[in-house]
């Protein structure tokens, strides 16, 4: 059985056929899905899906792309919404310097507000970082010194050095379908050596469909394909990798009850 640690079930491409998508995931062996919020306007819908579906859980957060549009969403509001029984994480949040859709200082302020909420609630923070690993590492180190908080680096594509920093800070690392791409040799090398007890897998659906589904709308069912590729890469059995990554999911997102 698989855990999809990061998907967007209400996004276009999935939301309009959600029951079909969920049925296919369950038939493929996906026993739990984490439905990730990226802007405040999504929170009620993401939570509604989690309330309706017993194997779907939710986060509340503001993606770094959306930081400029949410100057008033701070720690207090995140903590308030995180009291909902189906909210099991904070995010996604972080830094994205690849697109720079929001001011970098605004991204940092939002990121730190999310970290404070994660520290207060002890719910894991879901971190997005792209072309910003030095600043992401510096912020995580500084904030960890103010008090520990759990978390995961989602859709990991950063360097070996950043992986080691994240692991040293106690973070989990989540691998997406990108690992199956032909040009992902560096990521494959990192994924091969990650400690199994800190490894998660995800789809980031509807994005990043793995081989052999590349070019299609991503679905949580495809986490099985990423898991199979990763098991082969690491020379693990698929059953062992699926069991370990699912167990890790429940350890990190320990508010989840299935």
C-alpha atoms as a PDB file:
ATOM      1  CA  UNK A   1       0.000   0.000   0.000  1.00  0.00           C
ATOM      2  CA  UNK A   2       1.221   3.478  -0.926  1.00  0.00           C
ATOM      3  CA  UNK A   3       0.993   6.933   0.626  1.00  0.00           C
ATOM      4  CA  UNK A   4       0.870   9.885  -1.783  1.00  0.00           C
ATOM      5  CA  UNK A   5       2.405  12.529   0.442  1.00  0.00           C
ATOM      6  CA  UNK A   6       1.628  15.485  -1.846  1.00  0.00           C
ATOM      7  CA  UNK A   7      -1.166  16.012  -4.373  1.00  0.00           C
ATOM      8  CA  UNK A   8      -3.695  18.653  -5.400  1.00  0.00           C
ATOM      9  CA  UNK A   9      -6.992  16.813  -5.754  1.00  0.00           C
ATOM     10  CA  UNK A  10      -9.056  19.946  -6.330  1.00  0.00           C
ATOM     11  CA  UNK A  11      -6.918  21.409  -9.118  1.00  0.00           C
ATOM     12  CA  UNK A  12      -8.159  21.549 -12.691  1.00  0.00           C
ATOM     13  CA  UNK A  13      -7.618  18.190 -14.319  1.00  0.00           C
ATOM     14  CA  UNK A  14      -8.466  16.279 -11.140  1.00  0.00           C
ATOM     15  CA  UNK A  15     -11.228  18.192  -9.379  1.00  0.00           C
ATOM     16  CA  UNK A  16     -13.806  17.768 -12.129  1.00  0.00           C
ATOM     17  CA  UNK A  17     -13.351  13.968 -12.115  1.00  0.00           C
ATOM     18  CA  UNK A  18     -12.313  13.533  -8.520  1.00  0.00           C
ATOM     19  CA  UNK A  19     -14.315  10.400  -7.741  1.00  0.00           C
ATOM     20  CA  UNK A  20     -12.849   8.593 -10.736  1.00  0.00           C
ATOM     21  CA  UNK A  21      -9.345   9.703  -9.753  1.00  0.00           C
ATOM     22  CA  UNK A  22      -9.810   8.562  -6.164  1.00  0.00           C
ATOM     23  CA  UNK A  23     -11.234   5.205  -7.225  1.00  0.00           C
ATOM     24  CA  UNK A  24      -8.259   4.565  -9.523  1.00  0.00           C
ATOM     25  CA  UNK A  25      -5.817   5.491  -6.739  1.00  0.00           C
ATOM     26  CA  UNK A  26      -7.476   3.112  -4.299  1.00  0.00           C
ATOM     27  CA  UNK A  27      -7.527   0.314  -6.853  1.00  0.00           C
ATOM     28  CA  UNK A  28      -3.781   0.830  -7.380  1.00  0.00           C
ATOM     29  CA  UNK A  29      -3.048   0.441  -3.680  1.00  0.00           C
ATOM     30  CA  UNK A  30      -2.914   4.074  -2.530  1.00  0.00           C
ATOM     31  CA  UNK A  31      -4.232   4.014   1.012  1.00  0.00           C
ATOM     32  CA  UNK A  32      -3.747   7.668   1.964  1.00  0.00           C
ATOM     33  CA  UNK A  33      -3.392  10.990   0.125  1.00  0.00           C
ATOM     34  CA  UNK A  34      -2.362  14.412   1.408  1.00  0.00           C
ATOM     35  CA  UNK A  35      -4.263  17.194  -0.373  1.00  0.00           C
ATOM     36  CA  UNK A  36      -2.071  20.299  -0.371  1.00  0.00           C
ATOM     37  CA  UNK A  37      -3.263  23.913  -0.224  1.00  0.00           C
ATOM     38  CA  UNK A  38      -1.404  26.677  -2.059  1.00  0.00           C
ATOM     39  CA  UNK A  39      -3.606  29.759  -1.511  1.00  0.00           C
ATOM     40  CA  UNK A  40      -6.191  30.809   1.055  1.00  0.00           C
ATOM     41  CA  UNK A  41      -9.073  30.665  -1.407  1.00  0.00           C
ATOM     42  CA  UNK A  42      -8.458  26.898  -1.692  1.00  0.00           C
ATOM     43  CA  UNK A  43      -8.558  26.114   2.004  1.00  0.00           C
ATOM     44  CA  UNK A  44     -12.283  25.423   2.325  1.00  0.00           C
ATOM     45  CA  UNK A  45     -12.331  23.239  -0.791  1.00  0.00           C
ATOM     46  CA  UNK A  46      -9.244  21.273   0.225  1.00  0.00           C
ATOM     47  CA  UNK A  47     -10.710  20.753   3.691  1.00  0.00           C
ATOM     48  CA  UNK A  48     -14.086  19.816   2.209  1.00  0.00           C
ATOM     49  CA  UNK A  49     -12.477  17.023   0.198  1.00  0.00           C
ATOM     50  CA  UNK A  50     -10.668  15.775   3.301  1.00  0.00           C
ATOM     51  CA  UNK A  51     -13.894  15.856   5.329  1.00  0.00           C
ATOM     52  CA  UNK A  52     -15.721  13.875   2.643  1.00  0.00           C
ATOM     53  CA  UNK A  53     -13.040  11.260   1.900  1.00  0.00           C
ATOM     54  CA  UNK A  54     -11.685   9.235   4.847  1.00  0.00           C
ATOM     55  CA  UNK A  55      -8.349   8.471   3.130  1.00  0.00           C
ATOM     56  CA  UNK A  56      -7.676  12.124   2.187  1.00  0.00           C
ATOM     57  CA  UNK A  57      -6.113  14.625   4.591  1.00  0.00           C
ATOM     58  CA  UNK A  58      -5.266  18.301   4.141  1.00  0.00           C
ATOM     59  CA  UNK A  59      -2.796  21.092   4.739  1.00  0.00           C
ATOM     60  CA  UNK A  60      -3.239  24.856   4.974  1.00  0.00           C
ATOM     61  CA  UNK A  61      -0.637  27.161   3.504  1.00  0.00           C
ATOM     62  CA  UNK A  62       0.453  29.719   0.935  1.00  0.00           C
ATOM     63  CA  UNK A  63       2.749  28.719  -1.937  1.00  0.00           C
ATOM     64  CA  UNK A  64       5.711  31.074  -2.459  1.00  0.00           C
ATOM     65  CA  UNK A  65       4.218  32.045  -5.846  1.00  0.00           C
ATOM     66  CA  UNK A  66       1.234  33.421  -3.928  1.00  0.00           C
ATOM     67  CA  UNK A  67       3.099  35.277  -1.183  1.00  0.00           C
ATOM     68  CA  UNK A  68       2.522  38.741  -2.666  1.00  0.00           C
ATOM     69  CA  UNK A  69      -1.216  38.106  -2.790  1.00  0.00           C
ATOM     70  CA  UNK A  70      -1.474  37.037   0.843  1.00  0.00           C
ATOM     71  CA  UNK A  71       0.271  39.659   3.002  1.00  0.00           C
ATOM     72  CA  UNK A  72      -2.286  39.181   5.771  1.00  0.00           C
ATOM     73  CA  UNK A  73      -1.974  35.420   6.088  1.00  0.00           C
ATOM     74  CA  UNK A  74       0.373  35.047   9.004  1.00  0.00           C
ATOM     75  CA  UNK A  75       1.116  32.623  11.776  1.00  0.00           C
ATOM     76  CA  UNK A  76      -2.079  33.242  13.750  1.00  0.00           C
ATOM     77  CA  UNK A  77      -4.379  32.507  10.832  1.00  0.00           C
ATOM     78  CA  UNK A  78      -2.458  29.357   9.924  1.00  0.00           C
ATOM     79  CA  UNK A  79      -2.611  28.111  13.512  1.00  0.00           C
ATOM     80  CA  UNK A  80      -6.332  28.847  13.702  1.00  0.00           C
ATOM     81  CA  UNK A  81      -7.151  26.821  10.581  1.00  0.00           C
ATOM     82  CA  UNK A  82      -4.736  24.050  11.591  1.00  0.00           C
ATOM     83  CA  UNK A  83      -7.023  23.229  14.518  1.00  0.00           C
ATOM     84  CA  UNK A  84      -9.355  21.521  12.045  1.00  0.00           C
ATOM     85  CA  UNK A  85      -9.205  17.755  12.681  1.00  0.00           C
ATOM     86  CA  UNK A  86      -8.422  16.972   9.025  1.00  0.00           C
ATOM     87  CA  UNK A  87      -5.495  19.439   8.771  1.00  0.00           C
ATOM     88  CA  UNK A  88      -2.272  17.503   9.334  1.00  0.00           C
ATOM     89  CA  UNK A  89       0.392  19.836   7.920  1.00  0.00           C
ATOM     90  CA  UNK A  90       1.385  23.449   7.244  1.00  0.00           C
ATOM     91  CA  UNK A  91       2.143  24.496   3.668  1.00  0.00           C
ATOM     92  CA  UNK A  92       3.141  24.245   1.067  1.00  0.00           C
ATOM     93  CA  UNK A  93       5.481  27.149   1.624  1.00  0.00           C
ATOM     94  CA  UNK A  94       9.089  28.045   0.927  1.00  0.00           C
ATOM     95  CA  UNK A  95      11.108  29.894  -1.689  1.00  0.00           C
ATOM     96  CA  UNK A  96      10.928  29.824  -5.485  1.00  0.00           C
ATOM     97  CA  UNK A  97      13.564  31.907  -7.269  1.00  0.00           C
ATOM     98  CA  UNK A  98      13.072  30.118 -10.594  1.00  0.00           C
ATOM     99  CA  UNK A  99       9.867  31.965 -11.466  1.00  0.00           C
ATOM    100  CA  UNK A 100      10.092  34.821  -8.909  1.00  0.00           C
ATOM    101  CA  UNK A 101       6.323  35.275  -9.051  1.00  0.00           C
ATOM    102  CA  UNK A 102       6.447  36.967  -5.650  1.00  0.00           C
ATOM    103  CA  UNK A 103       8.938  39.365  -4.118  1.00  0.00           C
ATOM    104  CA  UNK A 104      11.749  37.419  -2.434  1.00  0.00           C
ATOM    105  CA  UNK A 105      11.442  39.297   0.859  1.00  0.00           C
ATOM    106  CA  UNK A 106       7.711  38.589   0.872  1.00  0.00           C
ATOM    107  CA  UNK A 107       8.406  34.913   0.198  1.00  0.00           C
ATOM    108  CA  UNK A 108      10.802  34.809   3.140  1.00  0.00           C
ATOM    109  CA  UNK A 109       8.345  36.526   5.488  1.00  0.00           C
ATOM    110  CA  UNK A 110       5.616  34.090   4.514  1.00  0.00           C
ATOM    111  CA  UNK A 111       7.978  31.130   4.883  1.00  0.00           C
ATOM    112  CA  UNK A 112       8.982  32.193   8.385  1.00  0.00           C
ATOM    113  CA  UNK A 113       5.321  32.702   9.356  1.00  0.00           C
ATOM    114  CA  UNK A 114       4.587  29.133   8.269  1.00  0.00           C
ATOM    115  CA  UNK A 115       7.573  27.836  10.214  1.00  0.00           C
ATOM    116  CA  UNK A 116       6.321  29.580  13.332  1.00  0.00           C
ATOM    117  CA  UNK A 117       2.938  27.920  12.857  1.00  0.00           C
ATOM    118  CA  UNK A 118       4.602  24.528  12.419  1.00  0.00           C
ATOM    119  CA  UNK A 119       6.659  25.073  15.555  1.00  0.00           C
ATOM    120  CA  UNK A 120       3.589  26.087  17.571  1.00  0.00           C
ATOM    121  CA  UNK A 121       1.328  23.278  16.337  1.00  0.00           C
ATOM    122  CA  UNK A 122       4.083  20.681  15.798  1.00  0.00           C
ATOM    123  CA  UNK A 123       2.426  19.861  12.492  1.00  0.00           C
ATOM    124  CA  UNK A 124       4.958  19.171   9.725  1.00  0.00           C
ATOM    125  CA  UNK A 125       5.855  21.989   7.379  1.00  0.00           C
ATOM    126  CA  UNK A 126       5.760  21.130   3.660  1.00  0.00           C
ATOM    127  CA  UNK A 127       8.646  22.978   2.003  1.00  0.00           C
ATOM    128  CA  UNK A 128       8.885  23.958  -1.654  1.00  0.00           C
ATOM    129  CA  UNK A 129      12.308  25.143  -2.774  1.00  0.00           C
ATOM    130  CA  UNK A 130      13.445  25.823  -6.326  1.00  0.00           C
ATOM    131  CA  UNK A 131      16.675  27.566  -7.282  1.00  0.00           C
ATOM    132  CA  UNK A 132      16.794  28.823  -3.691  1.00  0.00           C
ATOM    133  CA  UNK A 133      18.473  26.101  -1.692  1.00  0.00           C
ATOM    134  CA  UNK A 134      21.095  28.316  -0.001  1.00  0.00           C
ATOM    135  CA  UNK A 135      18.486  30.709   1.369  1.00  0.00           C
ATOM    136  CA  UNK A 136      16.124  27.855   2.217  1.00  0.00           C
ATOM    137  CA  UNK A 137      18.863  26.083   4.168  1.00  0.00           C
ATOM    138  CA  UNK A 138      19.850  29.268   5.994  1.00  0.00           C
ATOM    139  CA  UNK A 139      16.263  29.997   7.034  1.00  0.00           C
ATOM    140  CA  UNK A 140      15.610  26.445   8.182  1.00  0.00           C
ATOM    141  CA  UNK A 141      18.811  26.419  10.243  1.00  0.00           C
ATOM    142  CA  UNK A 142      18.083  29.814  11.819  1.00  0.00           C
ATOM    143  CA  UNK A 143      14.517  28.904  12.636  1.00  0.00           C
ATOM    144  CA  UNK A 144      15.410  25.477  14.002  1.00  0.00           C
ATOM    145  CA  UNK A 145      17.647  27.227  16.533  1.00  0.00           C
ATOM    146  CA  UNK A 146      14.545  29.057  17.804  1.00  0.00           C
ATOM    147  CA  UNK A 147      12.765  25.775  18.469  1.00  0.00           C
ATOM    148  CA  UNK A 148      12.401  22.476  16.654  1.00  0.00           C
ATOM    149  CA  UNK A 149       9.670  21.733  14.117  1.00  0.00           C
ATOM    150  CA  UNK A 150       9.035  18.717  11.854  1.00  0.00           C
ATOM    151  CA  UNK A 151       8.910  18.876   8.069  1.00  0.00           C
ATOM    152  CA  UNK A 152       9.472  17.521   4.603  1.00  0.00           C
ATOM    153  CA  UNK A 153      11.217  18.851   1.520  1.00  0.00           C
ATOM    154  CA  UNK A 154       8.619  18.076  -1.110  1.00  0.00           C
ATOM    155  CA  UNK A 155       9.348  17.209  -4.740  1.00  0.00           C
ATOM    156  CA  UNK A 156      13.056  17.114  -4.014  1.00  0.00           C
ATOM    157  CA  UNK A 157      15.273  18.285  -6.898  1.00  0.00           C
ATOM    158  CA  UNK A 158      18.063  20.038  -5.001  1.00  0.00           C
ATOM    159  CA  UNK A 159      21.693  19.082  -4.476  1.00  0.00           C
ATOM    160  CA  UNK A 160      23.264  16.295  -2.448  1.00  0.00           C
ATOM    161  CA  UNK A 161      24.546  18.935  -0.054  1.00  0.00           C
ATOM    162  CA  UNK A 162      21.058  20.303   0.539  1.00  0.00           C
ATOM    163  CA  UNK A 163      19.744  16.772   1.098  1.00  0.00           C
ATOM    164  CA  UNK A 164      22.337  16.319   3.849  1.00  0.00           C
ATOM    165  CA  UNK A 165      21.365  19.622   5.466  1.00  0.00           C
ATOM    166  CA  UNK A 166      17.693  18.674   5.425  1.00  0.00           C
ATOM    167  CA  UNK A 167      18.422  15.260   6.907  1.00  0.00           C
ATOM    168  CA  UNK A 168      20.646  16.788   9.601  1.00  0.00           C
ATOM    169  CA  UNK A 169      17.749  19.064  10.561  1.00  0.00           C
ATOM    170  CA  UNK A 170      15.485  16.057  10.964  1.00  0.00           C
ATOM    171  CA  UNK A 171      13.510  16.586   7.781  1.00  0.00           C
ATOM    172  CA  UNK A 172      12.063  13.934   5.524  1.00  0.00           C
ATOM    173  CA  UNK A 173      12.641  14.072   1.758  1.00  0.00           C
ATOM    174  CA  UNK A 174       9.867  13.350  -0.720  1.00  0.00           C
ATOM    175  CA  UNK A 175      10.599  12.085  -4.217  1.00  0.00           C
ATOM    176  CA  UNK A 176       8.228  12.793  -7.107  1.00  0.00           C
ATOM    177  CA  UNK A 177       7.831  11.417 -10.615  1.00  0.00           C
ATOM    178  CA  UNK A 178      10.725  13.616 -11.736  1.00  0.00           C
ATOM    179  CA  UNK A 179      13.036  10.820 -10.576  1.00  0.00           C
ATOM    180  CA  UNK A 180      11.808   8.694 -13.504  1.00  0.00           C
ATOM    181  CA  UNK A 181      12.816  11.256 -16.145  1.00  0.00           C
ATOM    182  CA  UNK A 182      15.800  10.453 -18.369  1.00  0.00           C
ATOM    183  CA  UNK A 183      17.582  13.724 -17.555  1.00  0.00           C
ATOM    184  CA  UNK A 184      17.275  13.264 -13.774  1.00  0.00           C
ATOM    185  CA  UNK A 185      20.567  11.450 -13.184  1.00  0.00           C
ATOM    186  CA  UNK A 186      21.648  13.750 -10.341  1.00  0.00           C
ATOM    187  CA  UNK A 187      18.327  13.305  -8.552  1.00  0.00           C
ATOM    188  CA  UNK A 188      18.501   9.552  -9.106  1.00  0.00           C
ATOM    189  CA  UNK A 189      21.937   9.445  -7.488  1.00  0.00           C
ATOM    190  CA  UNK A 190      20.616  11.320  -4.455  1.00  0.00           C
ATOM    191  CA  UNK A 191      17.456   9.228  -4.211  1.00  0.00           C
ATOM    192  CA  UNK A 192      19.519   6.051  -4.317  1.00  0.00           C
ATOM    193  CA  UNK A 193      21.423   6.969  -1.158  1.00  0.00           C
ATOM    194  CA  UNK A 194      18.691   8.571   0.963  1.00  0.00           C
ATOM    195  CA  UNK A 195      18.062   6.694   4.202  1.00  0.00           C
ATOM    196  CA  UNK A 196      14.901   4.633   3.815  1.00  0.00           C
ATOM    197  CA  UNK A 197      13.606   5.814   7.193  1.00  0.00           C
ATOM    198  CA  UNK A 198      13.416   9.440   5.924  1.00  0.00           C
ATOM    199  CA  UNK A 199      12.013   8.773   2.451  1.00  0.00           C
ATOM    200  CA  UNK A 200       8.545   9.701   1.184  1.00  0.00           C
ATOM    201  CA  UNK A 201       7.034   9.459  -2.298  1.00  0.00           C
ATOM    202  CA  UNK A 202       4.526  11.770  -3.944  1.00  0.00           C
ATOM    203  CA  UNK A 203       2.853  12.636  -7.230  1.00  0.00           C
ATOM    204  CA  UNK A 204       2.336  16.413  -6.962  1.00  0.00           C
ATOM    205  CA  UNK A 205      -0.689  15.556  -9.127  1.00  0.00           C
ATOM    206  CA  UNK A 206      -1.923  16.916 -11.492  1.00  0.00           C
ATOM    207  CA  UNK A 207       1.712  17.808 -12.271  1.00  0.00           C
ATOM    208  CA  UNK A 208       4.849  15.765 -12.998  1.00  0.00           C
ATOM    209  CA  UNK A 209       3.343  12.486 -14.177  1.00  0.00           C
ATOM    210  CA  UNK A 210       6.110   9.852 -14.079  1.00  0.00           C
ATOM    211  CA  UNK A 211       7.255   7.612 -16.890  1.00  0.00           C
ATOM    212  CA  UNK A 212       5.314   5.792 -18.427  1.00  0.00           C
ATOM    213  CA  UNK A 213       2.585   8.434 -18.039  1.00  0.00           C
ATOM    214  CA  UNK A 214       4.705  11.468 -18.871  1.00  0.00           C
ATOM    215  CA  UNK A 215       2.701  14.127 -20.692  1.00  0.00           C
ATOM    216  CA  UNK A 216      -0.563  13.050 -19.081  1.00  0.00           C
ATOM    217  CA  UNK A 217      -2.397  14.696 -16.208  1.00  0.00           C
ATOM    218  CA  UNK A 218      -0.825  13.332 -13.048  1.00  0.00           C
ATOM    219  CA  UNK A 219      -2.922  11.293 -10.615  1.00  0.00           C
ATOM    220  CA  UNK A 220      -2.302   9.813  -7.157  1.00  0.00           C
ATOM    221  CA  UNK A 221      -2.474   6.329  -8.715  1.00  0.00           C
ATOM    222  CA  UNK A 222       0.824   7.106 -10.437  1.00  0.00           C
ATOM    223  CA  UNK A 223       2.653   7.072  -7.095  1.00  0.00           C
ATOM    224  CA  UNK A 224       2.907   3.329  -7.672  1.00  0.00           C
ATOM    225  CA  UNK A 225       4.975   3.928 -10.830  1.00  0.00           C
ATOM    226  CA  UNK A 226       7.326   6.273  -9.015  1.00  0.00           C
ATOM    227  CA  UNK A 227       7.575   3.758  -6.192  1.00  0.00           C
ATOM    228  CA  UNK A 228       8.405   0.941  -8.597  1.00  0.00           C
ATOM    229  CA  UNK A 229      11.117   2.993 -10.305  1.00  0.00           C
ATOM    230  CA  UNK A 230      12.583   4.053  -6.979  1.00  0.00           C
ATOM    231  CA  UNK A 231      12.585   0.498  -5.655  1.00  0.00           C
ATOM    232  CA  UNK A 232      14.495  -0.662  -8.722  1.00  0.00           C
ATOM    233  CA  UNK A 233      16.927   2.205  -8.458  1.00  0.00           C
ATOM    234  CA  UNK A 234      17.644   1.462  -4.816  1.00  0.00           C
ATOM    235  CA  UNK A 235      17.535  -2.318  -5.249  1.00  0.00           C
ATOM    236  CA  UNK A 236      14.743  -2.550  -2.702  1.00  0.00           C
ATOM    237  CA  UNK A 237      11.681  -4.729  -3.131  1.00  0.00           C
ATOM    238  CA  UNK A 238       8.614  -2.730  -4.112  1.00  0.00           C
ATOM    239  CA  UNK A 239       6.714  -4.126  -1.137  1.00  0.00           C
ATOM    240  CA  UNK A 240       9.445  -3.014   1.256  1.00  0.00           C
ATOM    241  CA  UNK A 241       9.707   0.461  -0.252  1.00  0.00           C
ATOM    242  CA  UNK A 242       5.940   0.949  -0.266  1.00  0.00           C
ATOM    243  CA  UNK A 243       5.673  -0.197   3.351  1.00  0.00           C
ATOM    244  CA  UNK A 244       8.572   1.973   4.517  1.00  0.00           C
ATOM    245  CA  UNK A 245       7.441   5.148   2.778  1.00  0.00           C
ATOM    246  CA  UNK A 246       3.874   4.674   4.017  1.00  0.00           C
ATOM    247  CA  UNK A 247       5.127   4.093   7.565  1.00  0.00           C
ATOM    248  CA  UNK A 248       7.273   7.214   7.283  1.00  0.00           C
ATOM    249  CA  UNK A 249       4.241   9.191   6.164  1.00  0.00           C
ATOM    250  CA  UNK A 250       2.309   8.188   9.289  1.00  0.00           C
ATOM    251  CA  UNK A 251       5.312   8.908  11.498  1.00  0.00           C
ATOM    252  CA  UNK A 252       5.746  12.417  10.107  1.00  0.00           C
ATOM    253  CA  UNK A 253       2.071  13.320   9.668  1.00  0.00           C
ATOM    254  CA  UNK A 254       1.160  11.781  12.994  1.00  0.00           C
ATOM    255  CA  UNK A 255      -2.218  13.493  13.208  1.00  0.00           C
ATOM    256  CA  UNK A 256      -3.408  11.162  10.421  1.00  0.00           C
ATOM    257  CA  UNK A 257      -5.659   8.362  11.639  1.00  0.00           C
ATOM    258  CA  UNK A 258      -6.741   5.708   9.115  1.00  0.00           C
END
